[in-house]
Amino acid sequence: MVQILENNTEKQLTIGTRIEKVLWDMFDNISHALEDIDGTQLQEQSWTLDEKYQWIEGESSNGITYIDKALRGGNVFEKVGLNYVSKQGQLPPGMTFQGADIVPVESGDEKANQKSTSFFATSTSVVINANNPMVPTAHVNYRYFQIGDGTEPGSWWFGGGGDLTPIYLFEEDAVHFHQVHKEACDKHNSEYYPRFKKWCDQYFYLPHRSECRGVGGLFFDNLQDDNIETLFSFVKTCSEAFIRAYIPIVEKRKDMEFTEQNKYWQRLRRGRYAEFILLHDRGVRFGLDSGIVNTQSVLNCMPGEAFWNYSDEPVSDSPEAKLVEVLRNPREWV
């Protein structure tokens, strides 16, 4: 997929190529892990841009590699969406990046306002919804953005993380997920885990519900506060941690018994998941605004079935209420 030259000088000059390879490996390895546990092959779709700059089905070309993979109605997973993209492009004239946002160029110079901003972006994103309500939903995404050749201060940044969204709370699962990610962080900096765990709790939050989306994990955005090689190594380690953090939980929970009431609660919680993506996810908005992400990829990562009810507060002291209590009061898991 992505060829990396072994020449050390080339490595130093092509951080974009190297992170492409890391994120492609993440995409490929997670795909195989999910196929192995489900016994079903993921469907694959490639995308390209037409002359009107609209995403259409077709083989990647012109500096773009864009692949979606999907599974619906599998043996273990109800719906899975994976997306890999590597793209060199141009923002519309008069627009530029400000951190992780796309904003108008602040200049009275008419010529400056007419210039396009070149960028490079690469990302892998995965959302996993299982059949069994005892298996938590999981999300992982890592990405890299660069303006121009990336040599100017503030012209590149990393983002991403992985988080767990249980339908029913098994505390040992939350501990395991967090422990694996803490160990990944601690290989690089002991301050990373508490910093990015807190950021995750704050980011994946539904203010209109006063709830976190799940039990968290890691999250960071517009990360550029260290040497690029240091942060590249950190992101690589984190991208490799997700399978160890999540797949053992699936193995443990996928064959547990459940009731129709459990499925009903699962669909209510998936409604919360959809609310966050549609109302609050800055990453989705950024991807759509920049043209980096195809709308089909966003829908591919939405839950297959979700419910909304006028009143859905769980019965006191129930397993459902136990989950909501944790979502309203985030814990330290490790």
C-alpha atoms as a PDB file:
ATOM      1  CA  MET A   1       0.000   0.000   0.000  1.00  0.00           C
ATOM      2  CA  VAL A   2       2.464   2.655   1.159  1.00  0.00           C
ATOM      3  CA  GLN A   3       6.122   2.315   0.271  1.00  0.00           C
ATOM      4  CA  ILE A   4       8.673   3.617   2.782  1.00  0.00           C
ATOM      5  CA  LEU A   5      12.230   4.145   1.579  1.00  0.00           C
ATOM      6  CA  GLU A   6      14.900   2.843   3.905  1.00  0.00           C
ATOM      7  CA  ASN A   7      17.253   5.779   3.417  1.00  0.00           C
ATOM      8  CA  ASN A   8      17.522   7.649   6.728  1.00  0.00           C
ATOM      9  CA  THR A   9      17.643  11.056   5.040  1.00  0.00           C
ATOM     10  CA  GLU A  10      14.443  10.218   3.180  1.00  0.00           C
ATOM     11  CA  LYS A  11      12.812   9.223   6.445  1.00  0.00           C
ATOM     12  CA  GLN A  12      13.677  12.542   7.978  1.00  0.00           C
ATOM     13  CA  LEU A  13      12.190  14.411   5.018  1.00  0.00           C
ATOM     14  CA  THR A  14       8.943  12.466   4.641  1.00  0.00           C
ATOM     15  CA  ILE A  15       7.077  12.439   7.943  1.00  0.00           C
ATOM     16  CA  GLY A  16       3.852  12.424   5.933  1.00  0.00           C
ATOM     17  CA  THR A  17       4.816   9.239   4.117  1.00  0.00           C
ATOM     18  CA  ARG A  18       5.801   7.572   7.379  1.00  0.00           C
ATOM     19  CA  ILE A  19       2.565   8.420   9.163  1.00  0.00           C
ATOM     20  CA  GLU A  20       0.656   7.231   6.071  1.00  0.00           C
ATOM     21  CA  LYS A  21       2.278   3.842   6.545  1.00  0.00           C
ATOM     22  CA  VAL A  22       1.510   3.747  10.279  1.00  0.00           C
ATOM     23  CA  LEU A  23      -2.149   4.586   9.735  1.00  0.00           C
ATOM     24  CA  TRP A  24      -2.475   2.163   6.835  1.00  0.00           C
ATOM     25  CA  ASP A  25      -1.043  -0.608   9.026  1.00  0.00           C
ATOM     26  CA  MET A  26      -3.563   0.325  11.723  1.00  0.00           C
ATOM     27  CA  PHE A  27      -6.417   0.199   9.185  1.00  0.00           C
ATOM     28  CA  ASP A  28      -5.249  -3.130   7.782  1.00  0.00           C
ATOM     29  CA  ASN A  29      -4.520  -4.801  11.134  1.00  0.00           C
ATOM     30  CA  ILE A  30      -7.841  -3.801  12.702  1.00  0.00           C
ATOM     31  CA  SER A  31      -9.658  -4.983   9.553  1.00  0.00           C
ATOM     32  CA  HIS A  32      -8.061  -8.425   9.820  1.00  0.00           C
ATOM     33  CA  ALA A  33      -8.676  -8.651  13.576  1.00  0.00           C
ATOM     34  CA  LEU A  34     -12.387  -7.915  13.102  1.00  0.00           C
ATOM     35  CA  GLU A  35     -12.702 -10.360  10.201  1.00  0.00           C
ATOM     36  CA  ASP A  36     -10.997 -13.067  12.256  1.00  0.00           C
ATOM     37  CA  ILE A  37     -13.318 -12.713  15.226  1.00  0.00           C
ATOM     38  CA  ASP A  38     -16.496 -12.322  13.151  1.00  0.00           C
ATOM     39  CA  GLY A  39     -15.765 -14.858  10.436  1.00  0.00           C
ATOM     40  CA  THR A  40     -17.044 -12.394   7.823  1.00  0.00           C
ATOM     41  CA  GLN A  41     -15.087 -10.469   5.219  1.00  0.00           C
ATOM     42  CA  LEU A  42     -15.457  -6.701   5.286  1.00  0.00           C
ATOM     43  CA  GLN A  43     -16.809  -5.011   2.167  1.00  0.00           C
ATOM     44  CA  GLU A  44     -14.424  -2.494   0.598  1.00  0.00           C
ATOM     45  CA  GLN A  45     -15.118   0.657  -1.395  1.00  0.00           C
ATOM     46  CA  SER A  46     -12.623   3.077  -2.930  1.00  0.00           C
ATOM     47  CA  TRP A  47     -13.415   6.713  -3.663  1.00  0.00           C
ATOM     48  CA  THR A  48     -12.011   9.387  -5.926  1.00  0.00           C
ATOM     49  CA  LEU A  49     -12.893  12.969  -6.879  1.00  0.00           C
ATOM     50  CA  ASP A  50     -14.607  13.936 -10.135  1.00  0.00           C
ATOM     51  CA  GLU A  51     -14.055  17.149 -12.112  1.00  0.00           C
ATOM     52  CA  LYS A  52     -16.588  18.940  -9.865  1.00  0.00           C
ATOM     53  CA  TYR A  53     -14.606  17.925  -6.773  1.00  0.00           C
ATOM     54  CA  GLN A  54     -17.345  15.528  -5.664  1.00  0.00           C
ATOM     55  CA  TRP A  55     -16.592  12.111  -4.178  1.00  0.00           C
ATOM     56  CA  ILE A  56     -17.526   9.258  -6.516  1.00  0.00           C
ATOM     57  CA  GLU A  57     -16.853   5.522  -6.516  1.00  0.00           C
ATOM     58  CA  GLY A  58     -13.591   4.727  -8.229  1.00  0.00           C
ATOM     59  CA  GLU A  59      -9.951   3.843  -7.818  1.00  0.00           C
ATOM     60  CA  SER A  60      -7.871   6.364  -5.921  1.00  0.00           C
ATOM     61  CA  SER A  61      -5.726   8.716  -8.023  1.00  0.00           C
ATOM     62  CA  ASN A  62      -4.177  12.194  -8.200  1.00  0.00           C
ATOM     63  CA  GLY A  63      -2.575  12.129  -4.772  1.00  0.00           C
ATOM     64  CA  ILE A  64      -5.611  10.572  -3.066  1.00  0.00           C
ATOM     65  CA  THR A  65      -5.981   7.178  -1.420  1.00  0.00           C
ATOM     66  CA  TYR A  66      -9.466   6.829   0.074  1.00  0.00           C
ATOM     67  CA  ILE A  67     -10.881   3.480   1.192  1.00  0.00           C
ATOM     68  CA  ASP A  68     -13.926   2.572   3.267  1.00  0.00           C
ATOM     69  CA  LYS A  69     -14.563  -0.858   4.720  1.00  0.00           C
ATOM     70  CA  ALA A  70     -17.890  -1.957   6.179  1.00  0.00           C
ATOM     71  CA  LEU A  71     -19.643  -4.878   7.799  1.00  0.00           C
ATOM     72  CA  ARG A  72     -23.374  -5.118   8.452  1.00  0.00           C
ATOM     73  CA  GLY A  73     -25.182  -8.033  10.081  1.00  0.00           C
ATOM     74  CA  GLY A  74     -22.131 -10.121  10.950  1.00  0.00           C
ATOM     75  CA  ASN A  75     -21.856 -13.000  13.392  1.00  0.00           C
ATOM     76  CA  VAL A  76     -20.400 -10.842  16.179  1.00  0.00           C
ATOM     77  CA  PHE A  77     -20.666  -7.290  14.869  1.00  0.00           C
ATOM     78  CA  GLU A  78     -23.905  -5.615  13.890  1.00  0.00           C
ATOM     79  CA  LYS A  79     -22.198  -2.761  12.076  1.00  0.00           C
ATOM     80  CA  VAL A  80     -18.562  -1.782  11.563  1.00  0.00           C
ATOM     81  CA  GLY A  81     -17.209   1.190   9.651  1.00  0.00           C
ATOM     82  CA  LEU A  82     -13.535   1.778   8.843  1.00  0.00           C
ATOM     83  CA  ASN A  83     -12.038   4.593   6.805  1.00  0.00           C
ATOM     84  CA  TYR A  84      -8.526   5.308   5.556  1.00  0.00           C
ATOM     85  CA  VAL A  85      -7.627   8.462   3.686  1.00  0.00           C
ATOM     86  CA  SER A  86      -4.425  10.055   2.472  1.00  0.00           C
ATOM     87  CA  LYS A  87      -4.929  13.223   0.492  1.00  0.00           C
ATOM     88  CA  GLN A  88      -3.019  16.137  -0.943  1.00  0.00           C
ATOM     89  CA  GLY A  89      -5.358  18.997  -1.764  1.00  0.00           C
ATOM     90  CA  GLN A  90      -6.213  22.665  -1.763  1.00  0.00           C
ATOM     91  CA  LEU A  91      -8.592  24.592   0.451  1.00  0.00           C
ATOM     92  CA  PRO A  92     -10.899  27.028  -1.328  1.00  0.00           C
ATOM     93  CA  PRO A  93      -9.425  30.514  -1.942  1.00  0.00           C
ATOM     94  CA  GLY A  94      -9.716  32.791   1.073  1.00  0.00           C
ATOM     95  CA  MET A  95      -9.733  29.884   3.561  1.00  0.00           C
ATOM     96  CA  THR A  96      -6.936  28.456   5.683  1.00  0.00           C
ATOM     97  CA  PHE A  97      -6.316  26.260   8.719  1.00  0.00           C
ATOM     98  CA  GLN A  98      -6.226  27.652  12.230  1.00  0.00           C
ATOM     99  CA  GLY A  99      -5.258  24.718  14.388  1.00  0.00           C
ATOM    100  CA  ALA A 100      -7.958  22.104  13.831  1.00  0.00           C
ATOM    101  CA  ASP A 101     -10.440  24.574  12.335  1.00  0.00           C
ATOM    102  CA  ILE A 102     -10.932  25.999   8.864  1.00  0.00           C
ATOM    103  CA  VAL A 103     -11.262  29.787   8.941  1.00  0.00           C
ATOM    104  CA  PRO A 104     -11.215  32.766   6.540  1.00  0.00           C
ATOM    105  CA  VAL A 105      -7.813  34.274   5.766  1.00  0.00           C
ATOM    106  CA  GLU A 106      -7.292  37.350   7.940  1.00  0.00           C
ATOM    107  CA  SER A 107      -5.814  39.728   5.400  1.00  0.00           C
ATOM    108  CA  GLY A 108      -6.774  42.942   3.666  1.00  0.00           C
ATOM    109  CA  ASP A 109      -4.640  41.849   0.722  1.00  0.00           C
ATOM    110  CA  GLU A 110      -7.020  40.867  -2.069  1.00  0.00           C
ATOM    111  CA  LYS A 111      -4.366  38.686  -3.731  1.00  0.00           C
ATOM    112  CA  ALA A 112      -3.793  36.796  -0.470  1.00  0.00           C
ATOM    113  CA  ASN A 113      -7.523  36.189  -0.192  1.00  0.00           C
ATOM    114  CA  GLN A 114      -7.559  34.670  -3.672  1.00  0.00           C
ATOM    115  CA  LYS A 115      -4.795  32.153  -2.973  1.00  0.00           C
ATOM    116  CA  SER A 116      -5.535  28.508  -2.233  1.00  0.00           C
ATOM    117  CA  THR A 117      -3.931  26.820   0.770  1.00  0.00           C
ATOM    118  CA  SER A 118      -2.277  23.488  -0.022  1.00  0.00           C
ATOM    119  CA  PHE A 119      -2.495  20.736   2.576  1.00  0.00           C
ATOM    120  CA  PHE A 120      -1.737  17.090   3.204  1.00  0.00           C
ATOM    121  CA  ALA A 121      -3.933  14.938   5.436  1.00  0.00           C
ATOM    122  CA  THR A 122      -3.984  11.286   6.399  1.00  0.00           C
ATOM    123  CA  SER A 123      -6.268   9.491   8.829  1.00  0.00           C
ATOM    124  CA  THR A 124      -7.688   6.162   9.899  1.00  0.00           C
ATOM    125  CA  SER A 125     -11.022   6.001  11.730  1.00  0.00           C
ATOM    126  CA  VAL A 126     -12.899   2.958  13.057  1.00  0.00           C
ATOM    127  CA  VAL A 127     -16.286   2.588  14.778  1.00  0.00           C
ATOM    128  CA  ILE A 128     -17.426  -0.841  15.964  1.00  0.00           C
ATOM    129  CA  ASN A 129     -20.957  -1.816  17.070  1.00  0.00           C
ATOM    130  CA  ALA A 130     -21.541  -5.393  18.204  1.00  0.00           C
ATOM    131  CA  ASN A 131     -24.673  -7.545  18.157  1.00  0.00           C
ATOM    132  CA  ASN A 132     -24.469  -8.449  21.833  1.00  0.00           C
ATOM    133  CA  PRO A 133     -25.323  -5.524  24.165  1.00  0.00           C
ATOM    134  CA  MET A 134     -22.706  -6.775  26.604  1.00  0.00           C
ATOM    135  CA  VAL A 135     -19.983  -5.910  24.076  1.00  0.00           C
ATOM    136  CA  PRO A 136     -19.147  -2.192  24.210  1.00  0.00           C
ATOM    137  CA  THR A 137     -19.050   0.060  21.190  1.00  0.00           C
ATOM    138  CA  ALA A 138     -15.528   1.263  20.394  1.00  0.00           C
ATOM    139  CA  HIS A 139     -14.040   4.096  18.388  1.00  0.00           C
ATOM    140  CA  VAL A 140     -10.463   4.824  17.383  1.00  0.00           C
ATOM    141  CA  ASN A 141      -9.046   7.490  15.091  1.00  0.00           C
ATOM    142  CA  TYR A 142      -5.576   8.892  14.474  1.00  0.00           C
ATOM    143  CA  ARG A 143      -4.741  11.625  11.980  1.00  0.00           C
ATOM    144  CA  TYR A 144      -2.054  13.990  10.755  1.00  0.00           C
ATOM    145  CA  PHE A 145      -2.493  17.347   8.998  1.00  0.00           C
ATOM    146  CA  GLN A 146       0.081  19.520   7.317  1.00  0.00           C
ATOM    147  CA  ILE A 147      -0.065  22.891   5.565  1.00  0.00           C
ATOM    148  CA  GLY A 148       2.315  23.303   2.632  1.00  0.00           C
ATOM    149  CA  ASP A 149       5.573  21.460   3.207  1.00  0.00           C
ATOM    150  CA  GLY A 150       5.144  21.511   6.998  1.00  0.00           C
ATOM    151  CA  THR A 151       8.268  23.552   7.679  1.00  0.00           C
ATOM    152  CA  GLU A 152       6.559  26.641   9.094  1.00  0.00           C
ATOM    153  CA  PRO A 153       5.850  26.768  12.868  1.00  0.00           C
ATOM    154  CA  GLY A 154       2.351  25.509  13.573  1.00  0.00           C
ATOM    155  CA  SER A 155       1.935  24.081  10.067  1.00  0.00           C
ATOM    156  CA  TRP A 156       1.458  20.463  11.172  1.00  0.00           C
ATOM    157  CA  TRP A 157      -0.392  18.644  13.941  1.00  0.00           C
ATOM    158  CA  PHE A 158      -1.534  15.231  15.154  1.00  0.00           C
ATOM    159  CA  GLY A 159      -4.933  14.277  16.517  1.00  0.00           C
ATOM    160  CA  GLY A 160      -6.878  11.245  17.604  1.00  0.00           C
ATOM    161  CA  GLY A 161      -7.392   8.686  20.328  1.00  0.00           C
ATOM    162  CA  GLY A 162      -9.472   5.671  21.246  1.00  0.00           C
ATOM    163  CA  ASP A 163     -12.509   5.447  23.522  1.00  0.00           C
ATOM    164  CA  LEU A 164     -14.927   2.854  24.862  1.00  0.00           C
ATOM    165  CA  THR A 165     -18.721   3.185  25.001  1.00  0.00           C
ATOM    166  CA  PRO A 166     -20.322   0.379  27.049  1.00  0.00           C
ATOM    167  CA  ILE A 167     -23.998  -0.450  26.863  1.00  0.00           C
ATOM    168  CA  TYR A 168     -23.687  -2.269  30.180  1.00  0.00           C
ATOM    169  CA  LEU A 169     -20.874  -1.455  32.550  1.00  0.00           C
ATOM    170  CA  PHE A 170     -18.255  -4.092  33.330  1.00  0.00           C
ATOM    171  CA  GLU A 171     -15.696  -2.241  35.386  1.00  0.00           C
ATOM    172  CA  GLU A 172     -12.899  -4.688  34.587  1.00  0.00           C
ATOM    173  CA  ASP A 173     -13.374  -3.921  30.857  1.00  0.00           C
ATOM    174  CA  ALA A 174     -12.980  -0.202  31.454  1.00  0.00           C
ATOM    175  CA  VAL A 175      -9.890  -0.858  33.581  1.00  0.00           C
ATOM    176  CA  HIS A 176      -8.351  -3.062  30.874  1.00  0.00           C
ATOM    177  CA  PHE A 177      -9.025  -0.559  28.083  1.00  0.00           C
ATOM    178  CA  HIS A 178      -7.524   2.298  30.073  1.00  0.00           C
ATOM    179  CA  GLN A 179      -4.574   0.250  31.326  1.00  0.00           C
ATOM    180  CA  VAL A 180      -3.474  -0.695  27.810  1.00  0.00           C
ATOM    181  CA  HIS A 181      -3.635   2.927  26.704  1.00  0.00           C
ATOM    182  CA  LYS A 182      -1.864   4.145  29.834  1.00  0.00           C
ATOM    183  CA  GLU A 183       0.980   1.732  29.175  1.00  0.00           C
ATOM    184  CA  ALA A 184       1.219   3.032  25.601  1.00  0.00           C
ATOM    185  CA  CYS A 185       1.379   6.616  26.860  1.00  0.00           C
ATOM    186  CA  ASP A 186       3.865   5.841  29.619  1.00  0.00           C
ATOM    187  CA  LYS A 187       6.379   4.509  27.094  1.00  0.00           C
ATOM    188  CA  HIS A 188       6.746   8.104  25.946  1.00  0.00           C
ATOM    189  CA  ASN A 189       5.721  10.448  28.753  1.00  0.00           C
ATOM    190  CA  SER A 190       4.086   9.712  32.119  1.00  0.00           C
ATOM    191  CA  GLU A 191       2.120  12.961  31.831  1.00  0.00           C
ATOM    192  CA  TYR A 192       0.389  11.916  28.607  1.00  0.00           C
ATOM    193  CA  TYR A 193      -2.192   9.492  30.012  1.00  0.00           C
ATOM    194  CA  PRO A 194      -3.748  11.750  32.685  1.00  0.00           C
ATOM    195  CA  ARG A 195      -3.700  14.679  30.259  1.00  0.00           C
ATOM    196  CA  PHE A 196      -5.317  12.866  27.342  1.00  0.00           C
ATOM    197  CA  LYS A 197      -7.697  10.846  29.531  1.00  0.00           C
ATOM    198  CA  LYS A 198      -9.115  14.081  30.947  1.00  0.00           C
ATOM    199  CA  TRP A 199      -9.300  15.577  27.460  1.00  0.00           C
ATOM    200  CA  CYS A 200     -11.259  12.510  26.299  1.00  0.00           C
ATOM    201  CA  ASP A 201     -13.813  12.837  29.120  1.00  0.00           C
ATOM    202  CA  GLN A 202     -14.271  16.512  28.284  1.00  0.00           C
ATOM    203  CA  TYR A 203     -14.483  16.070  24.520  1.00  0.00           C
ATOM    204  CA  PHE A 204     -16.854  13.097  24.260  1.00  0.00           C
ATOM    205  CA  TYR A 205     -19.508  14.866  26.299  1.00  0.00           C
ATOM    206  CA  LEU A 206     -23.149  15.625  25.525  1.00  0.00           C
ATOM    207  CA  PRO A 207     -23.946  18.885  27.356  1.00  0.00           C
ATOM    208  CA  HIS A 208     -27.684  18.640  26.696  1.00  0.00           C
ATOM    209  CA  ARG A 209     -27.642  15.242  28.469  1.00  0.00           C
ATOM    210  CA  SER A 210     -25.013  16.074  31.123  1.00  0.00           C
ATOM    211  CA  GLU A 211     -23.404  12.763  30.170  1.00  0.00           C
ATOM    212  CA  CYS A 212     -20.133  11.544  28.738  1.00  0.00           C
ATOM    213  CA  ARG A 213     -20.556   9.402  25.646  1.00  0.00           C
ATOM    214  CA  GLY A 214     -18.777   6.483  27.298  1.00  0.00           C
ATOM    215  CA  VAL A 215     -16.085   5.605  29.817  1.00  0.00           C
ATOM    216  CA  GLY A 216     -13.395   7.395  27.827  1.00  0.00           C
ATOM    217  CA  GLY A 217      -9.867   6.502  26.881  1.00  0.00           C
ATOM    218  CA  LEU A 218      -7.533   8.925  25.123  1.00  0.00           C
ATOM    219  CA  PHE A 219      -8.166  12.022  23.036  1.00  0.00           C
ATOM    220  CA  PHE A 220      -6.015  14.874  21.747  1.00  0.00           C
ATOM    221  CA  ASP A 221      -6.297  17.402  18.945  1.00  0.00           C
ATOM    222  CA  ASN A 222      -4.029  19.959  17.285  1.00  0.00           C
ATOM    223  CA  LEU A 223      -1.090  18.262  19.046  1.00  0.00           C
ATOM    224  CA  GLN A 224       2.155  20.013  18.105  1.00  0.00           C
ATOM    225  CA  ASP A 225       3.718  20.951  21.444  1.00  0.00           C
ATOM    226  CA  ASP A 226       6.780  18.714  21.081  1.00  0.00           C
ATOM    227  CA  ASN A 227       9.295  17.578  18.491  1.00  0.00           C
ATOM    228  CA  ILE A 228       7.555  16.061  15.480  1.00  0.00           C
ATOM    229  CA  GLU A 229       9.576  12.830  15.731  1.00  0.00           C
ATOM    230  CA  THR A 230       8.621  12.456  19.395  1.00  0.00           C
ATOM    231  CA  LEU A 231       4.931  12.893  18.651  1.00  0.00           C
ATOM    232  CA  PHE A 232       5.111  10.634  15.602  1.00  0.00           C
ATOM    233  CA  SER A 233       6.543   7.836  17.755  1.00  0.00           C
ATOM    234  CA  PHE A 234       3.855   8.404  20.388  1.00  0.00           C
ATOM    235  CA  VAL A 235       1.008   8.250  17.848  1.00  0.00           C
ATOM    236  CA  LYS A 236       2.475   5.100  16.319  1.00  0.00           C
ATOM    237  CA  THR A 237       2.515   3.357  19.712  1.00  0.00           C
ATOM    238  CA  CYS A 238      -1.062   4.411  20.446  1.00  0.00           C
ATOM    239  CA  SER A 239      -2.281   3.272  17.025  1.00  0.00           C
ATOM    240  CA  GLU A 240      -0.894  -0.192  17.750  1.00  0.00           C
ATOM    241  CA  ALA A 241      -2.520  -0.382  21.206  1.00  0.00           C
ATOM    242  CA  PHE A 242      -6.171  -0.458  20.162  1.00  0.00           C
ATOM    243  CA  ILE A 243      -6.380  -4.142  19.193  1.00  0.00           C
ATOM    244  CA  ARG A 244      -4.892  -5.197  22.550  1.00  0.00           C
ATOM    245  CA  ALA A 245      -7.245  -2.838  24.358  1.00  0.00           C
ATOM    246  CA  TYR A 246     -10.495  -3.859  22.674  1.00  0.00           C
ATOM    247  CA  ILE A 247     -10.446  -7.321  21.090  1.00  0.00           C
ATOM    248  CA  PRO A 248     -10.012  -9.229  24.421  1.00  0.00           C
ATOM    249  CA  ILE A 249     -13.167  -7.487  25.681  1.00  0.00           C
ATOM    250  CA  VAL A 250     -15.087  -8.638  22.607  1.00  0.00           C
ATOM    251  CA  GLU A 251     -13.869 -12.206  23.110  1.00  0.00           C
ATOM    252  CA  LYS A 252     -15.001 -12.139  26.729  1.00  0.00           C
ATOM    253  CA  ARG A 253     -18.497 -10.679  26.135  1.00  0.00           C
ATOM    254  CA  LYS A 254     -19.664 -11.758  22.665  1.00  0.00           C
ATOM    255  CA  ASP A 255     -21.350 -15.012  23.756  1.00  0.00           C
ATOM    256  CA  MET A 256     -23.049 -13.738  26.931  1.00  0.00           C
ATOM    257  CA  GLU A 257     -26.806 -14.138  27.216  1.00  0.00           C
ATOM    258  CA  PHE A 258     -29.011 -11.081  26.775  1.00  0.00           C
ATOM    259  CA  THR A 259     -32.696 -10.173  26.624  1.00  0.00           C
ATOM    260  CA  GLU A 260     -34.854  -8.023  24.368  1.00  0.00           C
ATOM    261  CA  GLN A 261     -34.809  -5.397  27.128  1.00  0.00           C
ATOM    262  CA  ASN A 262     -31.012  -5.371  26.861  1.00  0.00           C
ATOM    263  CA  LYS A 263     -31.310  -4.784  23.098  1.00  0.00           C
ATOM    264  CA  TYR A 264     -33.771  -1.961  23.695  1.00  0.00           C
ATOM    265  CA  TRP A 265     -31.293  -0.254  26.036  1.00  0.00           C
ATOM    266  CA  GLN A 266     -28.521  -0.817  23.492  1.00  0.00           C
ATOM    267  CA  ARG A 267     -30.493   1.096  20.849  1.00  0.00           C
ATOM    268  CA  LEU A 268     -31.182   3.949  23.255  1.00  0.00           C
ATOM    269  CA  ARG A 269     -27.475   4.265  24.016  1.00  0.00           C
ATOM    270  CA  ARG A 270     -26.686   4.197  20.306  1.00  0.00           C
ATOM    271  CA  GLY A 271     -29.030   7.135  19.961  1.00  0.00           C
ATOM    272  CA  ARG A 272     -26.684   9.043  22.284  1.00  0.00           C
ATOM    273  CA  TYR A 273     -23.739   7.995  20.120  1.00  0.00           C
ATOM    274  CA  ALA A 274     -25.435   9.349  17.008  1.00  0.00           C
ATOM    275  CA  GLU A 275     -26.292  12.594  18.817  1.00  0.00           C
ATOM    276  CA  PHE A 276     -22.657  13.235  19.577  1.00  0.00           C
ATOM    277  CA  ILE A 277     -21.497  12.614  16.009  1.00  0.00           C
ATOM    278  CA  LEU A 278     -24.186  14.854  14.530  1.00  0.00           C
ATOM    279  CA  LEU A 279     -24.145  17.664  17.091  1.00  0.00           C
ATOM    280  CA  HIS A 280     -20.716  17.879  18.692  1.00  0.00           C
ATOM    281  CA  ASP A 281     -17.990  15.996  16.812  1.00  0.00           C
ATOM    282  CA  ARG A 282     -15.517  18.653  15.622  1.00  0.00           C
ATOM    283  CA  GLY A 283     -13.510  16.021  13.757  1.00  0.00           C
ATOM    284  CA  VAL A 284     -16.477  15.157  11.547  1.00  0.00           C
ATOM    285  CA  ARG A 285     -17.209  18.839  10.926  1.00  0.00           C
ATOM    286  CA  PHE A 286     -13.562  19.498  10.086  1.00  0.00           C
ATOM    287  CA  GLY A 287     -13.438  16.576   7.662  1.00  0.00           C
ATOM    288  CA  LEU A 288     -16.607  17.626   5.857  1.00  0.00           C
ATOM    289  CA  ASP A 289     -15.709  21.332   5.745  1.00  0.00           C
ATOM    290  CA  SER A 290     -12.258  20.620   4.310  1.00  0.00           C
ATOM    291  CA  GLY A 291     -13.517  18.068   1.801  1.00  0.00           C
ATOM    292  CA  ILE A 292     -11.183  15.453   3.278  1.00  0.00           C
ATOM    293  CA  VAL A 293     -14.093  13.211   4.317  1.00  0.00           C
ATOM    294  CA  ASN A 294     -16.897  11.820   2.182  1.00  0.00           C
ATOM    295  CA  THR A 295     -20.361  12.044   3.787  1.00  0.00           C
ATOM    296  CA  GLN A 296     -20.802   8.332   3.052  1.00  0.00           C
ATOM    297  CA  SER A 297     -17.876   7.590   5.379  1.00  0.00           C
ATOM    298  CA  VAL A 298     -19.573   9.456   8.232  1.00  0.00           C
ATOM    299  CA  LEU A 299     -22.789   7.508   7.702  1.00  0.00           C
ATOM    300  CA  ASN A 300     -20.793   4.279   7.466  1.00  0.00           C
ATOM    301  CA  CYS A 301     -19.629   4.884  11.045  1.00  0.00           C
ATOM    302  CA  MET A 302     -23.119   5.592  12.428  1.00  0.00           C
ATOM    303  CA  PRO A 303     -24.967   2.892  14.411  1.00  0.00           C
ATOM    304  CA  GLY A 304     -27.153   0.595  12.344  1.00  0.00           C
ATOM    305  CA  GLU A 305     -30.139   0.959  14.677  1.00  0.00           C
ATOM    306  CA  ALA A 306     -30.850   3.629  17.278  1.00  0.00           C
ATOM    307  CA  PHE A 307     -33.853   4.631  19.410  1.00  0.00           C
ATOM    308  CA  TRP A 308     -35.001   7.893  20.969  1.00  0.00           C
ATOM    309  CA  ASN A 309     -37.770   8.137  23.559  1.00  0.00           C
ATOM    310  CA  TYR A 310     -39.318  11.130  25.295  1.00  0.00           C
ATOM    311  CA  SER A 311     -38.353   9.762  28.696  1.00  0.00           C
ATOM    312  CA  ASP A 312     -35.631   7.138  28.956  1.00  0.00           C
ATOM    313  CA  GLU A 313     -34.306   7.522  32.497  1.00  0.00           C
ATOM    314  CA  PRO A 314     -33.416   4.034  33.784  1.00  0.00           C
ATOM    315  CA  VAL A 315     -34.941   2.437  36.868  1.00  0.00           C
ATOM    316  CA  SER A 316     -33.013   3.225  40.054  1.00  0.00           C
ATOM    317  CA  ASP A 317     -30.364   0.688  41.103  1.00  0.00           C
ATOM    318  CA  SER A 318     -30.641  -1.153  37.773  1.00  0.00           C
ATOM    319  CA  PRO A 319     -27.653  -2.156  35.622  1.00  0.00           C
ATOM    320  CA  GLU A 320     -28.707   0.587  33.226  1.00  0.00           C
ATOM    321  CA  ALA A 321     -28.677   3.172  36.023  1.00  0.00           C
ATOM    322  CA  LYS A 322     -25.219   1.993  37.072  1.00  0.00           C
ATOM    323  CA  LEU A 323     -23.908   2.884  33.617  1.00  0.00           C
ATOM    324  CA  VAL A 324     -25.569   6.303  33.556  1.00  0.00           C
ATOM    325  CA  GLU A 325     -24.121   7.157  36.974  1.00  0.00           C
ATOM    326  CA  VAL A 326     -20.603   6.591  35.629  1.00  0.00           C
ATOM    327  CA  LEU A 327     -21.325   8.587  32.475  1.00  0.00           C
ATOM    328  CA  ARG A 328     -22.454  11.536  34.579  1.00  0.00           C
ATOM    329  CA  ASN A 329     -19.517  11.219  36.955  1.00  0.00           C
ATOM    330  CA  PRO A 330     -16.360  10.101  35.097  1.00  0.00           C
ATOM    331  CA  ARG A 331     -13.988   7.887  37.065  1.00  0.00           C
ATOM    332  CA  GLU A 332     -10.276   7.325  37.230  1.00  0.00           C
ATOM    333  CA  TRP A 333      -9.971   3.729  36.000  1.00  0.00           C
ATOM    334  CA  VAL A 334      -6.261   3.115  36.563  1.00  0.00           C
END
